[in-house]
Amino acid sequence: REPSCEMKEYAQTKDYLREVDELLQEHLFKISNTSDQVSVVLGFLKIQGMFDERVKQLFEDKLVCPEEANTIKKEYIPVLTRCVDELMAVSLKIEDVGRVDQVSCAKA
């Protein structure tokens, strides 16, 4: 029996959360010389790629789970885009941002 749309979305969301958690642990909780903005932006772009791949797969499967596609496109991607935009601000240096602000975007 085929898993429900909700179960598929839950399983996929676990993968996204695992990536976000890794990004938080490696680059935002432990600021070091290797935790530069480029690494964080690349981490967010990896997650963006995961979203894009999932939406592509949903459409290839004839969009039998439209709610998941809408959630990705209307909720997840806008938050991710905002995070990348904030990190790419010319005047922002990640080491100068407080810990709460560093993780607030990623935890959204």
N, C-alpha and C. Protein backbone atom coordinates (compact mmCIF):
# COMPACT_ATOMS: atom_id res chain seq x y z
N ARG A 1 0.84 -1.18 0.00
CA ARG A 1 0.00 0.00 0.00
C ARG A 1 0.88 1.24 0.00
N GLU A 2 0.51 2.19 -0.80
CA GLU A 2 1.24 3.45 -0.96
C GLU A 2 1.07 4.32 0.28
N PRO A 3 2.18 4.90 0.82
CA PRO A 3 2.04 5.80 1.97
C PRO A 3 1.21 7.03 1.60
N SER A 4 0.55 7.59 2.58
CA SER A 4 -0.27 8.78 2.34
C SER A 4 0.62 9.98 2.01
N CYS A 5 0.01 11.01 1.45
CA CYS A 5 0.74 12.25 1.16
C CYS A 5 1.35 12.83 2.43
N GLU A 6 0.61 12.76 3.51
CA GLU A 6 1.11 13.31 4.77
C GLU A 6 2.37 12.56 5.24
N MET A 7 2.38 11.26 5.09
CA MET A 7 3.54 10.48 5.51
C MET A 7 4.75 10.75 4.61
N LYS A 8 4.50 10.91 3.31
CA LYS A 8 5.59 11.24 2.39
C LYS A 8 6.16 12.61 2.73
N GLU A 9 5.27 13.57 3.00
CA GLU A 9 5.72 14.91 3.35
C GLU A 9 6.50 14.89 4.66
N TYR A 10 6.02 14.14 5.62
CA TYR A 10 6.70 14.02 6.90
C TYR A 10 8.12 13.46 6.71
N ALA A 11 8.25 12.42 5.92
CA ALA A 11 9.55 11.80 5.68
C ALA A 11 10.49 12.79 4.98
N GLN A 12 9.97 13.51 4.02
CA GLN A 12 10.78 14.48 3.28
C GLN A 12 11.19 15.64 4.20
N THR A 13 10.28 16.09 5.03
CA THR A 13 10.56 17.19 5.95
C THR A 13 11.66 16.81 6.93
N LYS A 14 11.70 15.55 7.33
CA LYS A 14 12.78 15.09 8.21
C LYS A 14 14.14 15.29 7.55
N ASP A 15 14.21 15.07 6.24
CA ASP A 15 15.46 15.29 5.51
C ASP A 15 15.85 16.76 5.52
N TYR A 16 14.87 17.65 5.30
CA TYR A 16 15.17 19.09 5.33
C TYR A 16 15.66 19.50 6.71
N LEU A 17 14.96 19.01 7.73
CA LEU A 17 15.33 19.38 9.10
C LEU A 17 16.71 18.87 9.48
N ARG A 18 17.06 17.72 8.97
CA ARG A 18 18.39 17.17 9.22
C ARG A 18 19.45 18.11 8.62
N GLU A 19 19.21 18.61 7.43
CA GLU A 19 20.14 19.54 6.79
C GLU A 19 20.22 20.86 7.56
N VAL A 20 19.08 21.38 7.97
CA VAL A 20 19.06 22.63 8.74
C VAL A 20 19.80 22.43 10.05
N ASP A 21 19.55 21.32 10.71
CA ASP A 21 20.21 21.04 11.98
C ASP A 21 21.73 20.96 11.79
N GLU A 22 22.16 20.31 10.74
CA GLU A 22 23.60 20.21 10.46
C GLU A 22 24.19 21.61 10.22
N LEU A 23 23.48 22.42 9.47
CA LEU A 23 23.92 23.79 9.20
C LEU A 23 24.04 24.58 10.49
N LEU A 24 23.04 24.45 11.35
CA LEU A 24 23.08 25.15 12.64
C LEU A 24 24.27 24.68 13.47
N GLN A 25 24.46 23.38 13.56
CA GLN A 25 25.52 22.83 14.39
C GLN A 25 26.91 23.19 13.86
N GLU A 26 27.10 23.07 12.57
CA GLU A 26 28.43 23.26 12.00
C GLU A 26 28.82 24.71 11.80
N HIS A 27 27.86 25.57 11.51
CA HIS A 27 28.24 26.92 11.10
C HIS A 27 27.62 28.05 11.91
N LEU A 28 26.57 27.79 12.64
CA LEU A 28 25.94 28.90 13.34
C LEU A 28 26.11 28.82 14.86
N PHE A 29 26.10 27.64 15.43
CA PHE A 29 26.30 27.53 16.87
C PHE A 29 27.77 27.66 17.23
N LYS A 30 28.64 27.20 16.35
CA LYS A 30 30.08 27.21 16.63
C LYS A 30 30.79 28.08 15.60
N ILE A 31 30.73 29.38 15.78
CA ILE A 31 31.37 30.30 14.85
C ILE A 31 32.89 30.12 14.95
N SER A 32 33.51 29.89 13.81
CA SER A 32 34.96 29.76 13.75
C SER A 32 35.41 30.31 12.41
N ASN A 33 36.69 30.21 12.15
CA ASN A 33 37.22 30.71 10.89
C ASN A 33 36.61 29.98 9.69
N THR A 34 36.21 28.74 9.89
CA THR A 34 35.63 27.98 8.78
C THR A 34 34.11 28.19 8.66
N SER A 35 33.53 28.93 9.60
CA SER A 35 32.09 29.16 9.58
C SER A 35 31.78 30.51 8.94
N ASP A 36 32.24 30.69 7.74
CA ASP A 36 32.01 31.97 7.09
C ASP A 36 30.64 32.00 6.42
N GLN A 37 30.28 33.18 5.98
CA GLN A 37 28.97 33.36 5.37
C GLN A 37 28.81 32.51 4.12
N VAL A 38 29.87 32.33 3.38
CA VAL A 38 29.77 31.53 2.15
C VAL A 38 29.35 30.11 2.48
N SER A 39 29.91 29.54 3.53
CA SER A 39 29.54 28.17 3.91
C SER A 39 28.07 28.09 4.31
N VAL A 40 27.60 29.09 5.02
CA VAL A 40 26.20 29.10 5.45
C VAL A 40 25.29 29.27 4.24
N VAL A 41 25.63 30.20 3.36
CA VAL A 41 24.82 30.40 2.15
C VAL A 41 24.81 29.12 1.31
N LEU A 42 25.96 28.47 1.17
CA LEU A 42 26.00 27.22 0.41
C LEU A 42 25.13 26.14 1.06
N GLY A 43 25.10 26.13 2.38
CA GLY A 43 24.22 25.19 3.08
C GLY A 43 22.75 25.46 2.78
N PHE A 44 22.38 26.75 2.78
CA PHE A 44 21.00 27.11 2.44
C PHE A 44 20.70 26.75 0.99
N LEU A 45 21.67 26.95 0.10
CA LEU A 45 21.44 26.62 -1.30
C LEU A 45 21.30 25.12 -1.51
N LYS A 46 21.97 24.33 -0.69
CA LYS A 46 21.80 22.87 -0.75
C LYS A 46 20.36 22.51 -0.39
N ILE A 47 19.83 23.17 0.64
CA ILE A 47 18.44 22.93 1.04
C ILE A 47 17.50 23.39 -0.07
N GLN A 48 17.81 24.53 -0.70
CA GLN A 48 17.02 25.00 -1.83
C GLN A 48 16.98 23.94 -2.93
N GLY A 49 18.12 23.32 -3.19
CA GLY A 49 18.17 22.25 -4.18
C GLY A 49 17.30 21.07 -3.80
N MET A 50 17.26 20.76 -2.51
CA MET A 50 16.39 19.68 -2.04
C MET A 50 14.93 20.03 -2.29
N PHE A 51 14.56 21.29 -2.02
CA PHE A 51 13.18 21.73 -2.27
C PHE A 51 12.86 21.62 -3.76
N ASP A 52 13.77 22.13 -4.60
CA ASP A 52 13.54 22.10 -6.04
C ASP A 52 13.38 20.67 -6.55
N GLU A 53 14.23 19.79 -6.07
CA GLU A 53 14.17 18.38 -6.49
C GLU A 53 12.84 17.74 -6.07
N ARG A 54 12.40 18.06 -4.86
CA ARG A 54 11.14 17.49 -4.36
C ARG A 54 9.95 18.00 -5.16
N VAL A 55 9.92 19.31 -5.44
CA VAL A 55 8.82 19.87 -6.22
C VAL A 55 8.82 19.25 -7.61
N LYS A 56 9.99 19.09 -8.20
CA LYS A 56 10.10 18.44 -9.52
C LYS A 56 9.52 17.03 -9.45
N GLN A 57 9.90 16.29 -8.42
CA GLN A 57 9.41 14.91 -8.27
C GLN A 57 7.89 14.88 -8.10
N LEU A 58 7.37 15.83 -7.32
CA LEU A 58 5.92 15.89 -7.11
C LEU A 58 5.19 16.13 -8.44
N PHE A 59 5.73 17.01 -9.27
CA PHE A 59 5.10 17.27 -10.56
C PHE A 59 5.26 16.08 -11.51
N GLU A 60 6.41 15.41 -11.45
CA GLU A 60 6.59 14.22 -12.28
C GLU A 60 5.63 13.11 -11.88
N ASP A 61 5.25 13.10 -10.60
CA ASP A 61 4.28 12.12 -10.10
C ASP A 61 2.85 12.60 -10.30
N LYS A 62 2.68 13.57 -11.18
CA LYS A 62 1.36 14.10 -11.54
C LYS A 62 0.67 14.83 -10.39
N LEU A 63 1.47 15.38 -9.50
CA LEU A 63 1.01 16.22 -8.40
C LEU A 63 -0.12 15.58 -7.59
N VAL A 64 0.10 14.32 -7.22
CA VAL A 64 -0.90 13.64 -6.40
C VAL A 64 -0.90 14.17 -4.96
N CYS A 65 0.14 14.92 -4.58
CA CYS A 65 0.23 15.53 -3.25
C CYS A 65 0.40 17.05 -3.40
N PRO A 66 -0.65 17.74 -3.84
CA PRO A 66 -0.50 19.18 -4.12
C PRO A 66 -0.23 20.02 -2.88
N GLU A 67 -0.68 19.59 -1.71
CA GLU A 67 -0.46 20.37 -0.50
C GLU A 67 1.02 20.49 -0.18
N GLU A 68 1.76 19.42 -0.40
CA GLU A 68 3.21 19.45 -0.14
C GLU A 68 3.90 20.43 -1.08
N ALA A 69 3.53 20.40 -2.34
CA ALA A 69 4.13 21.34 -3.30
C ALA A 69 3.82 22.78 -2.90
N ASN A 70 2.59 23.04 -2.49
CA ASN A 70 2.23 24.39 -2.05
C ASN A 70 3.00 24.80 -0.80
N THR A 71 3.16 23.89 0.14
CA THR A 71 3.91 24.20 1.36
C THR A 71 5.34 24.57 1.02
N ILE A 72 5.96 23.80 0.17
CA ILE A 72 7.35 24.08 -0.22
C ILE A 72 7.43 25.43 -0.91
N LYS A 73 6.57 25.65 -1.89
CA LYS A 73 6.66 26.87 -2.70
C LYS A 73 6.22 28.12 -1.95
N LYS A 74 5.23 28.01 -1.08
CA LYS A 74 4.67 29.21 -0.44
C LYS A 74 5.15 29.45 0.97
N GLU A 75 5.71 28.43 1.62
CA GLU A 75 6.19 28.61 2.99
C GLU A 75 7.70 28.43 3.11
N TYR A 76 8.20 27.29 2.67
CA TYR A 76 9.62 26.98 2.87
C TYR A 76 10.54 27.86 2.02
N ILE A 77 10.28 27.95 0.73
CA ILE A 77 11.17 28.69 -0.17
C ILE A 77 11.23 30.17 0.18
N PRO A 78 10.11 30.84 0.49
CA PRO A 78 10.23 32.26 0.86
C PRO A 78 11.09 32.49 2.11
N VAL A 79 10.98 31.61 3.10
CA VAL A 79 11.81 31.75 4.30
C VAL A 79 13.27 31.53 3.95
N LEU A 80 13.55 30.53 3.17
CA LEU A 80 14.92 30.25 2.76
C LEU A 80 15.50 31.42 1.97
N THR A 81 14.73 31.96 1.07
CA THR A 81 15.18 33.11 0.27
C THR A 81 15.50 34.30 1.17
N ARG A 82 14.67 34.55 2.16
CA ARG A 82 14.91 35.64 3.10
C ARG A 82 16.21 35.42 3.86
N CYS A 83 16.45 34.19 4.29
CA CYS A 83 17.68 33.87 5.01
C CYS A 83 18.91 34.14 4.14
N VAL A 84 18.87 33.69 2.91
CA VAL A 84 20.00 33.91 2.00
C VAL A 84 20.19 35.40 1.76
N ASP A 85 19.10 36.12 1.54
CA ASP A 85 19.20 37.57 1.33
C ASP A 85 19.83 38.26 2.53
N GLU A 86 19.43 37.87 3.74
CA GLU A 86 20.00 38.47 4.95
C GLU A 86 21.49 38.19 5.04
N LEU A 87 21.89 36.97 4.74
CA LEU A 87 23.30 36.60 4.84
C LEU A 87 24.15 37.26 3.76
N MET A 88 23.54 37.59 2.65
CA MET A 88 24.30 38.19 1.56
C MET A 88 24.35 39.70 1.66
N ALA A 89 23.74 40.27 2.67
CA ALA A 89 23.81 41.72 2.86
C ALA A 89 25.28 42.10 3.00
N VAL A 90 25.70 43.07 2.22
CA VAL A 90 27.12 43.44 2.15
C VAL A 90 27.68 43.82 3.51
N SER A 91 26.91 44.50 4.32
CA SER A 91 27.43 45.00 5.60
C SER A 91 27.40 43.97 6.72
N LEU A 92 26.77 42.83 6.50
CA LEU A 92 26.63 41.83 7.56
C LEU A 92 27.84 40.91 7.63
N LYS A 93 28.35 40.72 8.82
CA LYS A 93 29.39 39.72 9.07
C LYS A 93 28.83 38.77 10.09
N ILE A 94 28.81 37.51 9.76
CA ILE A 94 28.14 36.52 10.59
C ILE A 94 28.69 36.49 12.01
N GLU A 95 29.99 36.72 12.17
CA GLU A 95 30.58 36.69 13.51
C GLU A 95 30.15 37.89 14.36
N ASP A 96 29.64 38.95 13.71
CA ASP A 96 29.18 40.12 14.44
C ASP A 96 27.71 40.05 14.84
N VAL A 97 27.02 39.03 14.39
CA VAL A 97 25.59 38.88 14.67
C VAL A 97 25.42 38.02 15.91
N GLY A 98 24.52 38.41 16.80
CA GLY A 98 24.27 37.65 18.02
C GLY A 98 23.76 36.25 17.71
N ARG A 99 24.00 35.34 18.64
CA ARG A 99 23.62 33.93 18.45
C ARG A 99 22.14 33.77 18.14
N VAL A 100 21.28 34.49 18.84
CA VAL A 100 19.84 34.37 18.61
C VAL A 100 19.50 34.77 17.17
N ASP A 101 20.09 35.86 16.71
CA ASP A 101 19.84 36.30 15.34
C ASP A 101 20.42 35.34 14.31
N GLN A 102 21.56 34.72 14.64
CA GLN A 102 22.18 33.78 13.71
C GLN A 102 21.27 32.60 13.43
N VAL A 103 20.60 32.10 14.44
CA VAL A 103 19.79 30.89 14.25
C VAL A 103 18.33 31.18 13.97
N SER A 104 17.89 32.43 14.19
CA SER A 104 16.45 32.73 14.06
C SER A 104 15.95 32.48 12.65
N CYS A 105 16.73 32.84 11.66
CA CYS A 105 16.29 32.63 10.29
C CYS A 105 16.23 31.15 9.97
N ALA A 106 17.26 30.42 10.33
CA ALA A 106 17.31 28.98 10.02
C ALA A 106 16.23 28.21 10.77
N LYS A 107 15.83 28.69 11.93
CA LYS A 107 14.81 27.98 12.71
C LYS A 107 13.41 28.33 12.28
N ALA A 108 13.28 29.38 11.44
CA ALA A 108 11.95 29.78 10.96
C ALA A 108 11.41 28.69 10.13
